[in-house]
Amino acid sequence: MPTVNVGGKDIEVDEDGFITDPNSWDQDVAKGFAADEGITELTEEHWSVINYLRDYYLKFGIAPMIRKLCKDTGFKLKYIYELFPSGPAKGACKLAGLPKPTGCV
């Protein structure tokens, strides 16, 4: 399995760059992945989405559907794409340390 080095620690990722073990995630990992996604600074709004996704995943074992993400965070889908240009699944879930979503996030 491939690894990436973030902040001096090796993180196992799948072929698409998603973390394979969500427990290896921390804020430094999110910041490192953000730079790879072209996000120069993680704002409070970024962290709101990231923390929501992590909490939901740790509670239910899956990523939430996009509609639920928008409803519970109060952000419109268009704004989530502004925050995470590669989208809620590829961008936001990757930064939150979730495995690659299998369906529609």
PDB file of N, CA and C in Angstrom:
ATOM      1  N   MET A   1       0.847  -1.183   0.000  1.00  0.00           N
ATOM      2  CA  MET A   1       0.000   0.000   0.000  1.00  0.00           C
ATOM      3  C   MET A   1       0.890   1.243   0.000  1.00  0.00           C
ATOM      4  N   PRO A   2       0.574   2.245  -0.823  1.00  0.00           N
ATOM      5  CA  PRO A   2       1.411   3.453  -0.859  1.00  0.00           C
ATOM      6  C   PRO A   2       1.299   4.258   0.436  1.00  0.00           C
ATOM      7  N   THR A   3       2.313   5.059   0.685  1.00  0.00           N
ATOM      8  CA  THR A   3       2.297   5.952   1.849  1.00  0.00           C
ATOM      9  C   THR A   3       2.649   7.363   1.403  1.00  0.00           C
ATOM     10  N   VAL A   4       2.209   8.324   2.197  1.00  0.00           N
ATOM     11  CA  VAL A   4       2.617   9.715   2.015  1.00  0.00           C
ATOM     12  C   VAL A   4       3.208  10.179   3.332  1.00  0.00           C
ATOM     13  N   ASN A   5       4.160  11.073   3.247  1.00  0.00           N
ATOM     14  CA  ASN A   5       4.773  11.600   4.453  1.00  0.00           C
ATOM     15  C   ASN A   5       4.207  12.978   4.715  1.00  0.00           C
ATOM     16  N   VAL A   6       3.583  13.119   5.867  1.00  0.00           N
ATOM     17  CA  VAL A   6       2.989  14.398   6.259  1.00  0.00           C
ATOM     18  C   VAL A   6       3.509  14.743   7.649  1.00  0.00           C
ATOM     19  N   GLY A   7       4.183  15.864   7.743  1.00  0.00           N
ATOM     20  CA  GLY A   7       4.688  16.299   9.042  1.00  0.00           C
ATOM     21  C   GLY A   7       5.636  15.299   9.675  1.00  0.00           C
ATOM     22  N   GLY A   8       6.394  14.575   8.850  1.00  0.00           N
ATOM     23  CA  GLY A   8       7.354  13.625   9.379  1.00  0.00           C
ATOM     24  C   GLY A   8       6.786  12.257   9.712  1.00  0.00           C
ATOM     25  N   LYS A   9       5.496  12.054   9.441  1.00  0.00           N
ATOM     26  CA  LYS A   9       4.953  10.726   9.709  1.00  0.00           C
ATOM     27  C   LYS A   9       4.371  10.139   8.434  1.00  0.00           C
ATOM     28  N   ASP A  10       4.608   8.842   8.259  1.00  0.00           N
ATOM     29  CA  ASP A  10       4.124   8.140   7.078  1.00  0.00           C
ATOM     30  C   ASP A  10       2.689   7.698   7.290  1.00  0.00           C
ATOM     31  N   ILE A  11       1.835   8.025   6.321  1.00  0.00           N
ATOM     32  CA  ILE A  11       0.408   7.697   6.370  1.00  0.00           C
ATOM     33  C   ILE A  11       0.101   6.767   5.202  1.00  0.00           C
ATOM     34  N   GLU A  12      -0.513   5.624   5.478  1.00  0.00           N
ATOM     35  CA  GLU A  12      -0.922   4.722   4.403  1.00  0.00           C
ATOM     36  C   GLU A  12      -2.146   5.291   3.694  1.00  0.00           C
ATOM     37  N   VAL A  13      -2.081   5.281   2.374  1.00  0.00           N
ATOM     38  CA  VAL A  13      -3.186   5.771   1.548  1.00  0.00           C
ATOM     39  C   VAL A  13      -3.514   4.733   0.478  1.00  0.00           C
ATOM     40  N   ASP A  14      -4.722   4.839  -0.071  1.00  0.00           N
ATOM     41  CA  ASP A  14      -5.096   3.956  -1.172  1.00  0.00           C
ATOM     42  C   ASP A  14      -4.591   4.547  -2.490  1.00  0.00           C
ATOM     43  N   GLU A  15      -4.957   3.910  -3.597  1.00  0.00           N
ATOM     44  CA  GLU A  15      -4.457   4.356  -4.905  1.00  0.00           C
ATOM     45  C   GLU A  15      -4.948   5.750  -5.294  1.00  0.00           C
ATOM     46  N   ASP A  16      -6.012   6.237  -4.623  1.00  0.00           N
ATOM     47  CA  ASP A  16      -6.529   7.576  -4.906  1.00  0.00           C
ATOM     48  C   ASP A  16      -6.068   8.613  -3.887  1.00  0.00           C
ATOM     49  N   GLY A  17      -5.203   8.201  -2.946  1.00  0.00           N
ATOM     50  CA  GLY A  17      -4.663   9.134  -1.963  1.00  0.00           C
ATOM     51  C   GLY A  17      -5.496   9.309  -0.714  1.00  0.00           C
ATOM     52  N   PHE A  18      -6.518   8.460  -0.516  1.00  0.00           N
ATOM     53  CA  PHE A  18      -7.338   8.538   0.692  1.00  0.00           C
ATOM     54  C   PHE A  18      -6.695   7.710   1.799  1.00  0.00           C
ATOM     55  N   ILE A  19      -6.756   8.201   3.018  1.00  0.00           N
ATOM     56  CA  ILE A  19      -6.209   7.490   4.172  1.00  0.00           C
ATOM     57  C   ILE A  19      -6.925   6.148   4.329  1.00  0.00           C
ATOM     58  N   THR A  20      -6.148   5.099   4.604  1.00  0.00           N
ATOM     59  CA  THR A  20      -6.755   3.781   4.783  1.00  0.00           C
ATOM     60  C   THR A  20      -7.178   3.553   6.236  1.00  0.00           C
ATOM     61  N   ASP A  21      -6.534   4.241   7.185  1.00  0.00           N
ATOM     62  CA  ASP A  21      -6.881   4.121   8.600  1.00  0.00           C
ATOM     63  C   ASP A  21      -7.222   5.506   9.143  1.00  0.00           C
ATOM     64  N   PRO A  22      -8.523   5.795   9.317  1.00  0.00           N
ATOM     65  CA  PRO A  22      -8.915   7.126   9.800  1.00  0.00           C
ATOM     66  C   PRO A  22      -8.288   7.515  11.138  1.00  0.00           C
ATOM     67  N   ASN A  23      -7.821   6.536  11.901  1.00  0.00           N
ATOM     68  CA  ASN A  23      -7.184   6.845  13.190  1.00  0.00           C
ATOM     69  C   ASN A  23      -5.792   7.449  13.029  1.00  0.00           C
ATOM     70  N   SER A  24      -5.212   7.379  11.831  1.00  0.00           N
ATOM     71  CA  SER A  24      -3.896   7.969  11.608  1.00  0.00           C
ATOM     72  C   SER A  24      -4.009   9.457  11.249  1.00  0.00           C
ATOM     73  N   TRP A  25      -5.227   9.975  11.176  1.00  0.00           N
ATOM     74  CA  TRP A  25      -5.480  11.368  10.806  1.00  0.00           C
ATOM     75  C   TRP A  25      -5.216  12.302  11.976  1.00  0.00           C
ATOM     76  N   ASP A  26      -4.719  13.481  11.684  1.00  0.00           N
ATOM     77  CA  ASP A  26      -4.693  14.595  12.632  1.00  0.00           C
ATOM     78  C   ASP A  26      -4.747  15.889  11.817  1.00  0.00           C
ATOM     79  N   GLN A  27      -4.757  17.007  12.485  1.00  0.00           N
ATOM     80  CA  GLN A  27      -4.901  18.281  11.776  1.00  0.00           C
ATOM     81  C   GLN A  27      -3.740  18.557  10.828  1.00  0.00           C
ATOM     82  N   ASP A  28      -2.549  18.074  11.174  1.00  0.00           N
ATOM     83  CA  ASP A  28      -1.409  18.265  10.279  1.00  0.00           C
ATOM     84  C   ASP A  28      -1.608  17.505   8.968  1.00  0.00           C
ATOM     85  N   VAL A  29      -2.227  16.330   9.053  1.00  0.00           N
ATOM     86  CA  VAL A  29      -2.528  15.553   7.852  1.00  0.00           C
ATOM     87  C   VAL A  29      -3.500  16.350   6.977  1.00  0.00           C
ATOM     88  N   ALA A  30      -4.533  16.918   7.594  1.00  0.00           N
ATOM     89  CA  ALA A  30      -5.498  17.727   6.843  1.00  0.00           C
ATOM     90  C   ALA A  30      -4.800  18.897   6.161  1.00  0.00           C
ATOM     91  N   LYS A  31      -3.909  19.551   6.866  1.00  0.00           N
ATOM     92  CA  LYS A  31      -3.196  20.696   6.293  1.00  0.00           C
ATOM     93  C   LYS A  31      -2.300  20.255   5.137  1.00  0.00           C
ATOM     94  N   GLY A  32      -1.646  19.114   5.276  1.00  0.00           N
ATOM     95  CA  GLY A  32      -0.805  18.599   4.197  1.00  0.00           C
ATOM     96  C   GLY A  32      -1.619  18.242   2.971  1.00  0.00           C
ATOM     97  N   PHE A  33      -2.751  17.572   3.186  1.00  0.00           N
ATOM     98  CA  PHE A  33      -3.619  17.214   2.068  1.00  0.00           C
ATOM     99  C   PHE A  33      -4.228  18.464   1.434  1.00  0.00           C
ATOM    100  N   ALA A  34      -4.510  19.482   2.244  1.00  0.00           N
ATOM    101  CA  ALA A  34      -5.076  20.724   1.713  1.00  0.00           C
ATOM    102  C   ALA A  34      -4.115  21.350   0.706  1.00  0.00           C
ATOM    103  N   ALA A  35      -2.843  21.360   1.044  1.00  0.00           N
ATOM    104  CA  ALA A  35      -1.852  21.924   0.133  1.00  0.00           C
ATOM    105  C   ALA A  35      -1.851  21.151  -1.187  1.00  0.00           C
ATOM    106  N   ASP A  36      -1.973  19.825  -1.111  1.00  0.00           N
ATOM    107  CA  ASP A  36      -2.025  19.002  -2.328  1.00  0.00           C
ATOM    108  C   ASP A  36      -3.268  19.303  -3.166  1.00  0.00           C
ATOM    109  N   GLU A  37      -4.347  19.738  -2.511  1.00  0.00           N
ATOM    110  CA  GLU A  37      -5.601  20.049  -3.200  1.00  0.00           C
ATOM    111  C   GLU A  37      -5.638  21.503  -3.688  1.00  0.00           C
ATOM    112  N   GLY A  38      -4.581  22.254  -3.408  1.00  0.00           N
ATOM    113  CA  GLY A  38      -4.535  23.649  -3.842  1.00  0.00           C
ATOM    114  C   GLY A  38      -5.207  24.608  -2.874  1.00  0.00           C
ATOM    115  N   ILE A  39      -5.469  24.155  -1.670  1.00  0.00           N
ATOM    116  CA  ILE A  39      -6.084  25.010  -0.641  1.00  0.00           C
ATOM    117  C   ILE A  39      -4.946  25.555   0.214  1.00  0.00           C
ATOM    118  N   THR A  40      -4.749  26.867   0.176  1.00  0.00           N
ATOM    119  CA  THR A  40      -3.599  27.453   0.858  1.00  0.00           C
ATOM    120  C   THR A  40      -3.815  27.653   2.357  1.00  0.00           C
ATOM    121  N   GLU A  41      -5.067  27.832   2.764  1.00  0.00           N
ATOM    122  CA  GLU A  41      -5.357  28.042   4.183  1.00  0.00           C
ATOM    123  C   GLU A  41      -6.685  27.378   4.529  1.00  0.00           C
ATOM    124  N   LEU A  42      -6.693  26.644   5.648  1.00  0.00           N
ATOM    125  CA  LEU A  42      -7.934  26.047   6.129  1.00  0.00           C
ATOM    126  C   LEU A  42      -8.605  27.027   7.086  1.00  0.00           C
ATOM    127  N   THR A  43      -9.755  27.545   6.667  1.00  0.00           N
ATOM    128  CA  THR A  43     -10.493  28.521   7.452  1.00  0.00           C
ATOM    129  C   THR A  43     -11.409  27.818   8.457  1.00  0.00           C
ATOM    130  N   GLU A  44     -12.090  28.619   9.256  1.00  0.00           N
ATOM    131  CA  GLU A  44     -13.059  28.076  10.204  1.00  0.00           C
ATOM    132  C   GLU A  44     -14.154  27.283   9.477  1.00  0.00           C
ATOM    133  N   GLU A  45     -14.540  27.758   8.295  1.00  0.00           N
ATOM    134  CA  GLU A  45     -15.569  27.056   7.513  1.00  0.00           C
ATOM    135  C   GLU A  45     -15.056  25.702   7.013  1.00  0.00           C
ATOM    136  N   HIS A  46     -13.788  25.656   6.586  1.00  0.00           N
ATOM    137  CA  HIS A  46     -13.187  24.379   6.198  1.00  0.00           C
ATOM    138  C   HIS A  46     -13.244  23.399   7.368  1.00  0.00           C
ATOM    139  N   TRP A  47     -12.796  23.871   8.541  1.00  0.00           N
ATOM    140  CA  TRP A  47     -12.754  22.996   9.716  1.00  0.00           C
ATOM    141  C   TRP A  47     -14.152  22.562  10.130  1.00  0.00           C
ATOM    142  N   SER A  48     -15.137  23.422   9.934  1.00  0.00           N
ATOM    143  CA  SER A  48     -16.513  23.054  10.254  1.00  0.00           C
ATOM    144  C   SER A  48     -16.948  21.840   9.430  1.00  0.00           C
ATOM    145  N   VAL A  49     -16.647  21.862   8.134  1.00  0.00           N
ATOM    146  CA  VAL A  49     -17.003  20.733   7.254  1.00  0.00           C
ATOM    147  C   VAL A  49     -16.163  19.509   7.604  1.00  0.00           C
ATOM    148  N   ILE A  50     -14.863  19.702   7.758  1.00  0.00           N
ATOM    149  CA  ILE A  50     -13.963  18.584   8.071  1.00  0.00           C
ATOM    150  C   ILE A  50     -14.388  17.900   9.369  1.00  0.00           C
ATOM    151  N   ASN A  51     -14.628  18.689  10.414  1.00  0.00           N
ATOM    152  CA  ASN A  51     -15.007  18.108  11.709  1.00  0.00           C
ATOM    153  C   ASN A  51     -16.370  17.427  11.647  1.00  0.00           C
ATOM    154  N   TYR A  52     -17.298  18.001  10.895  1.00  0.00           N
ATOM    155  CA  TYR A  52     -18.605  17.364  10.725  1.00  0.00           C
ATOM    156  C   TYR A  52     -18.436  15.999  10.050  1.00  0.00           C
ATOM    157  N   LEU A  53     -17.671  15.964   8.962  1.00  0.00           N
ATOM    158  CA  LEU A  53     -17.463  14.703   8.246  1.00  0.00           C
ATOM    159  C   LEU A  53     -16.799  13.656   9.137  1.00  0.00           C
ATOM    160  N   ARG A  54     -15.789  14.062   9.894  1.00  0.00           N
ATOM    161  CA  ARG A  54     -15.102  13.112  10.786  1.00  0.00           C
ATOM    162  C   ARG A  54     -16.056  12.595  11.858  1.00  0.00           C
ATOM    163  N   ASP A  55     -16.782  13.500  12.490  1.00  0.00           N
ATOM    164  CA  ASP A  55     -17.707  13.083  13.550  1.00  0.00           C
ATOM    165  C   ASP A  55     -18.764  12.125  13.012  1.00  0.00           C
ATOM    166  N   TYR A  56     -19.308  12.453  11.860  1.00  0.00           N
ATOM    167  CA  TYR A  56     -20.345  11.612  11.254  1.00  0.00           C
ATOM    168  C   TYR A  56     -19.769  10.236  10.920  1.00  0.00           C
ATOM    169  N   TYR A  57     -18.586  10.225  10.314  1.00  0.00           N
ATOM    170  CA  TYR A  57     -17.968   8.947   9.935  1.00  0.00           C
ATOM    171  C   TYR A  57     -17.662   8.094  11.171  1.00  0.00           C
ATOM    172  N   LEU A  58     -17.102   8.708  12.198  1.00  0.00           N
ATOM    173  CA  LEU A  58     -16.748   7.948  13.396  1.00  0.00           C
ATOM    174  C   LEU A  58     -17.993   7.412  14.106  1.00  0.00           C
ATOM    175  N   LYS A  59     -19.104   8.112  13.965  1.00  0.00           N
ATOM    176  CA  LYS A  59     -20.345   7.666  14.601  1.00  0.00           C
ATOM    177  C   LYS A  59     -21.062   6.589  13.790  1.00  0.00           C
ATOM    178  N   PHE A  60     -21.101   6.746  12.455  1.00  0.00           N
ATOM    179  CA  PHE A  60     -21.909   5.858  11.614  1.00  0.00           C
ATOM    180  C   PHE A  60     -21.104   4.924  10.697  1.00  0.00           C
ATOM    181  N   GLY A  61     -19.802   5.158  10.567  1.00  0.00           N
ATOM    182  CA  GLY A  61     -18.966   4.300   9.740  1.00  0.00           C
ATOM    183  C   GLY A  61     -19.055   4.557   8.241  1.00  0.00           C
ATOM    184  N   ILE A  62     -19.756   5.609   7.845  1.00  0.00           N
ATOM    185  CA  ILE A  62     -19.862   6.006   6.436  1.00  0.00           C
ATOM    186  C   ILE A  62     -19.848   7.529   6.369  1.00  0.00           C
ATOM    187  N   ALA A  63     -19.581   8.042   5.177  1.00  0.00           N
ATOM    188  CA  ALA A  63     -19.664   9.487   4.961  1.00  0.00           C
ATOM    189  C   ALA A  63     -21.133   9.858   4.767  1.00  0.00           C
ATOM    190  N   PRO A  64     -21.531  11.047   5.204  1.00  0.00           N
ATOM    191  CA  PRO A  64     -22.927  11.459   5.011  1.00  0.00           C
ATOM    192  C   PRO A  64     -23.230  11.773   3.553  1.00  0.00           C
ATOM    193  N   MET A  65     -24.494  11.701   3.200  1.00  0.00           N
ATOM    194  CA  MET A  65     -24.904  12.117   1.853  1.00  0.00           C
ATOM    195  C   MET A  65     -24.750  13.637   1.752  1.00  0.00           C
ATOM    196  N   ILE A  66     -24.564  14.116   0.538  1.00  0.00           N
ATOM    197  CA  ILE A  66     -24.340  15.541   0.319  1.00  0.00           C
ATOM    198  C   ILE A  66     -25.463  16.382   0.905  1.00  0.00           C
ATOM    199  N   ARG A  67     -26.688  15.945   0.702  1.00  0.00           N
ATOM    200  CA  ARG A  67     -27.835  16.707   1.209  1.00  0.00           C
ATOM    201  C   ARG A  67     -27.739  16.879   2.730  1.00  0.00           C
ATOM    202  N   LYS A  68     -27.355  15.813   3.436  1.00  0.00           N
ATOM    203  CA  LYS A  68     -27.236  15.880   4.895  1.00  0.00           C
ATOM    204  C   LYS A  68     -26.081  16.790   5.294  1.00  0.00           C
ATOM    205  N   LEU A  69     -24.968  16.689   4.586  1.00  0.00           N
ATOM    206  CA  LEU A  69     -23.822  17.555   4.850  1.00  0.00           C
ATOM    207  C   LEU A  69     -24.228  19.022   4.739  1.00  0.00           C
ATOM    208  N   CYS A  70     -24.919  19.361   3.663  1.00  0.00           N
ATOM    209  CA  CYS A  70     -25.357  20.752   3.453  1.00  0.00           C
ATOM    210  C   CYS A  70     -26.339  21.187   4.529  1.00  0.00           C
ATOM    211  N   LYS A  71     -27.310  20.332   4.833  1.00  0.00           N
ATOM    212  CA  LYS A  71     -28.330  20.691   5.819  1.00  0.00           C
ATOM    213  C   LYS A  71     -27.720  20.897   7.203  1.00  0.00           C
ATOM    214  N   ASP A  72     -26.862  19.966   7.617  1.00  0.00           N
ATOM    215  CA  ASP A  72     -26.334  20.027   8.980  1.00  0.00           C
ATOM    216  C   ASP A  72     -25.260  21.093   9.166  1.00  0.00           C
ATOM    217  N   THR A  73     -24.526  21.433   8.104  1.00  0.00           N
ATOM    218  CA  THR A  73     -23.512  22.490   8.233  1.00  0.00           C
ATOM    219  C   THR A  73     -24.075  23.868   7.922  1.00  0.00           C
ATOM    220  N   GLY A  74     -25.202  23.895   7.202  1.00  0.00           N
ATOM    221  CA  GLY A  74     -25.788  25.172   6.807  1.00  0.00           C
ATOM    222  C   GLY A  74     -25.137  25.772   5.572  1.00  0.00           C
ATOM    223  N   PHE A  75     -24.231  25.029   4.934  1.00  0.00           N
ATOM    224  CA  PHE A  75     -23.558  25.521   3.732  1.00  0.00           C
ATOM    225  C   PHE A  75     -24.250  24.970   2.490  1.00  0.00           C
ATOM    226  N   LYS A  76     -24.445  25.826   1.515  1.00  0.00           N
ATOM    227  CA  LYS A  76     -24.984  25.375   0.228  1.00  0.00           C
ATOM    228  C   LYS A  76     -23.898  24.597  -0.503  1.00  0.00           C
ATOM    229  N   LEU A  77     -24.318  23.674  -1.374  1.00  0.00           N
ATOM    230  CA  LEU A  77     -23.371  22.841  -2.102  1.00  0.00           C
ATOM    231  C   LEU A  77     -22.369  23.686  -2.893  1.00  0.00           C
ATOM    232  N   LYS A  78     -22.849  24.755  -3.484  1.00  0.00           N
ATOM    233  CA  LYS A  78     -21.965  25.639  -4.253  1.00  0.00           C
ATOM    234  C   LYS A  78     -20.826  26.164  -3.373  1.00  0.00           C
ATOM    235  N   TYR A  79     -21.140  26.510  -2.125  1.00  0.00           N
ATOM    236  CA  TYR A  79     -20.123  27.030  -1.215  1.00  0.00           C
ATOM    237  C   TYR A  79     -19.139  25.929  -0.800  1.00  0.00           C
ATOM    238  N   ILE A  80     -19.634  24.717  -0.623  1.00  0.00           N
ATOM    239  CA  ILE A  80     -18.735  23.610  -0.286  1.00  0.00           C
ATOM    240  C   ILE A  80     -17.739  23.402  -1.421  1.00  0.00           C
ATOM    241  N   TYR A  81     -18.193  23.556  -2.662  1.00  0.00           N
ATOM    242  CA  TYR A  81     -17.277  23.458  -3.801  1.00  0.00           C
ATOM    243  C   TYR A  81     -16.298  24.629  -3.832  1.00  0.00           C
ATOM    244  N   GLU A  82     -16.693  25.778  -3.317  1.00  0.00           N
ATOM    245  CA  GLU A  82     -15.755  26.890  -3.214  1.00  0.00           C
ATOM    246  C   GLU A  82     -14.681  26.581  -2.173  1.00  0.00           C
ATOM    247  N   LEU A  83     -15.096  25.961  -1.071  1.00  0.00           N
ATOM    248  CA  LEU A  83     -14.146  25.594  -0.023  1.00  0.00           C
ATOM    249  C   LEU A  83     -13.231  24.457  -0.471  1.00  0.00           C
ATOM    250  N   PHE A  84     -13.826  23.464  -1.122  1.00  0.00           N
ATOM    251  CA  PHE A  84     -13.113  22.257  -1.553  1.00  0.00           C
ATOM    252  C   PHE A  84     -13.329  22.099  -3.057  1.00  0.00           C
ATOM    253  N   PRO A  85     -12.471  22.715  -3.873  1.00  0.00           N
ATOM    254  CA  PRO A  85     -12.691  22.732  -5.323  1.00  0.00           C
ATOM    255  C   PRO A  85     -12.850  21.355  -5.963  1.00  0.00           C
ATOM    256  N   SER A  86     -12.258  20.320  -5.377  1.00  0.00           N
ATOM    257  CA  SER A  86     -12.425  18.983  -5.964  1.00  0.00           C
ATOM    258  C   SER A  86     -13.676  18.293  -5.442  1.00  0.00           C
ATOM    259  N   GLY A  87     -14.481  19.003  -4.635  1.00  0.00           N
ATOM    260  CA  GLY A  87     -15.780  18.495  -4.217  1.00  0.00           C
ATOM    261  C   GLY A  87     -15.824  17.934  -2.814  1.00  0.00           C
ATOM    262  N   PRO A  88     -17.036  17.641  -2.357  1.00  0.00           N
ATOM    263  CA  PRO A  88     -17.192  17.120  -1.005  1.00  0.00           C
ATOM    264  C   PRO A  88     -16.624  15.714  -0.834  1.00  0.00           C
ATOM    265  N   ALA A  89     -16.667  14.877  -1.861  1.00  0.00           N
ATOM    266  CA  ALA A  89     -16.157  13.510  -1.721  1.00  0.00           C
ATOM    267  C   ALA A  89     -14.643  13.488  -1.881  1.00  0.00           C
ATOM    268  N   LYS A  90     -14.169  13.958  -3.009  1.00  0.00           N
ATOM    269  CA  LYS A  90     -12.731  13.873  -3.261  1.00  0.00           C
ATOM    270  C   LYS A  90     -11.941  14.819  -2.364  1.00  0.00           C
ATOM    271  N   GLY A  91     -12.410  16.023  -2.208  1.00  0.00           N
ATOM    272  CA  GLY A  91     -11.667  17.008  -1.424  1.00  0.00           C
ATOM    273  C   GLY A  91     -11.939  16.959   0.055  1.00  0.00           C
ATOM    274  N   ALA A  92     -13.173  17.220   0.439  1.00  0.00           N
ATOM    275  CA  ALA A  92     -13.504  17.336   1.855  1.00  0.00           C
ATOM    276  C   ALA A  92     -13.290  16.023   2.610  1.00  0.00           C
ATOM    277  N   CYS A  93     -13.744  14.917   2.042  1.00  0.00           N
ATOM    278  CA  CYS A  93     -13.577  13.626   2.726  1.00  0.00           C
ATOM    279  C   CYS A  93     -12.107  13.254   2.848  1.00  0.00           C
ATOM    280  N   LYS A  94     -11.323  13.574   1.819  1.00  0.00           N
ATOM    281  CA  LYS A  94      -9.888  13.270   1.882  1.00  0.00           C
ATOM    282  C   LYS A  94      -9.233  14.077   2.999  1.00  0.00           C
ATOM    283  N   LEU A  95      -9.553  15.366   3.090  1.00  0.00           N
ATOM    284  CA  LEU A  95      -8.977  16.206   4.129  1.00  0.00           C
ATOM    285  C   LEU A  95      -9.439  15.790   5.521  1.00  0.00           C
ATOM    286  N   ALA A  96     -10.640  15.242   5.605  1.00  0.00           N
ATOM    287  CA  ALA A  96     -11.170  14.799   6.896  1.00  0.00           C
ATOM    288  C   ALA A  96     -10.612  13.445   7.321  1.00  0.00           C
ATOM    289  N   GLY A  97      -9.830  12.810   6.443  1.00  0.00           N
ATOM    290  CA  GLY A  97      -9.219  11.535   6.804  1.00  0.00           C
ATOM    291  C   GLY A  97     -10.143  10.348   6.686  1.00  0.00           C
ATOM    292  N   LEU A  98     -11.179  10.484   5.868  1.00  0.00           N
ATOM    293  CA  LEU A  98     -12.096   9.371   5.649  1.00  0.00           C
ATOM    294  C   LEU A  98     -11.601   8.505   4.503  1.00  0.00           C
ATOM    295  N   PRO A  99     -11.951   7.219   4.519  1.00  0.00           N
ATOM    296  CA  PRO A  99     -11.657   6.399   3.346  1.00  0.00           C
ATOM    297  C   PRO A  99     -12.472   6.926   2.160  1.00  0.00           C
ATOM    298  N   LYS A 100     -12.070   6.561   0.961  1.00  0.00           N
ATOM    299  CA  LYS A 100     -12.765   7.036  -0.231  1.00  0.00           C
ATOM    300  C   LYS A 100     -14.229   6.613  -0.158  1.00  0.00           C
ATOM    301  N   PRO A 101     -15.156   7.582  -0.266  1.00  0.00           N
ATOM    302  CA  PRO A 101     -16.576   7.247  -0.227  1.00  0.00           C
ATOM    303  C   PRO A 101     -16.958   6.346  -1.394  1.00  0.00           C
ATOM    304  N   THR A 102     -17.850   5.394  -1.129  1.00  0.00           N
ATOM    305  CA  THR A 102     -18.265   4.462  -2.171  1.00  0.00           C
ATOM    306  C   THR A 102     -19.467   4.965  -2.953  1.00  0.00           C
ATOM    307  N   GLY A 103     -20.240   5.851  -2.353  1.00  0.00           N
ATOM    308  CA  GLY A 103     -21.434   6.348  -3.034  1.00  0.00           C
ATOM    309  C   GLY A 103     -21.397   7.849  -3.111  1.00  0.00           C
ATOM    310  N   CYS A 104     -22.553   8.403  -3.174  1.00  0.00           N
ATOM    311  CA  CYS A 104     -22.709   9.845  -3.253  1.00  0.00           C
ATOM    312  C   CYS A 104     -22.632  10.429  -1.850  1.00  0.00           C
ATOM    313  N   VAL A 105     -21.636  11.237  -1.606  1.00  0.00           N
ATOM    314  CA  VAL A 105     -21.459  11.836  -0.275  1.00  0.00           C
ATOM    315  C   VAL A 105     -22.537  12.873  -0.047  1.00  0.00           C
TER     316      VAL A 105
END
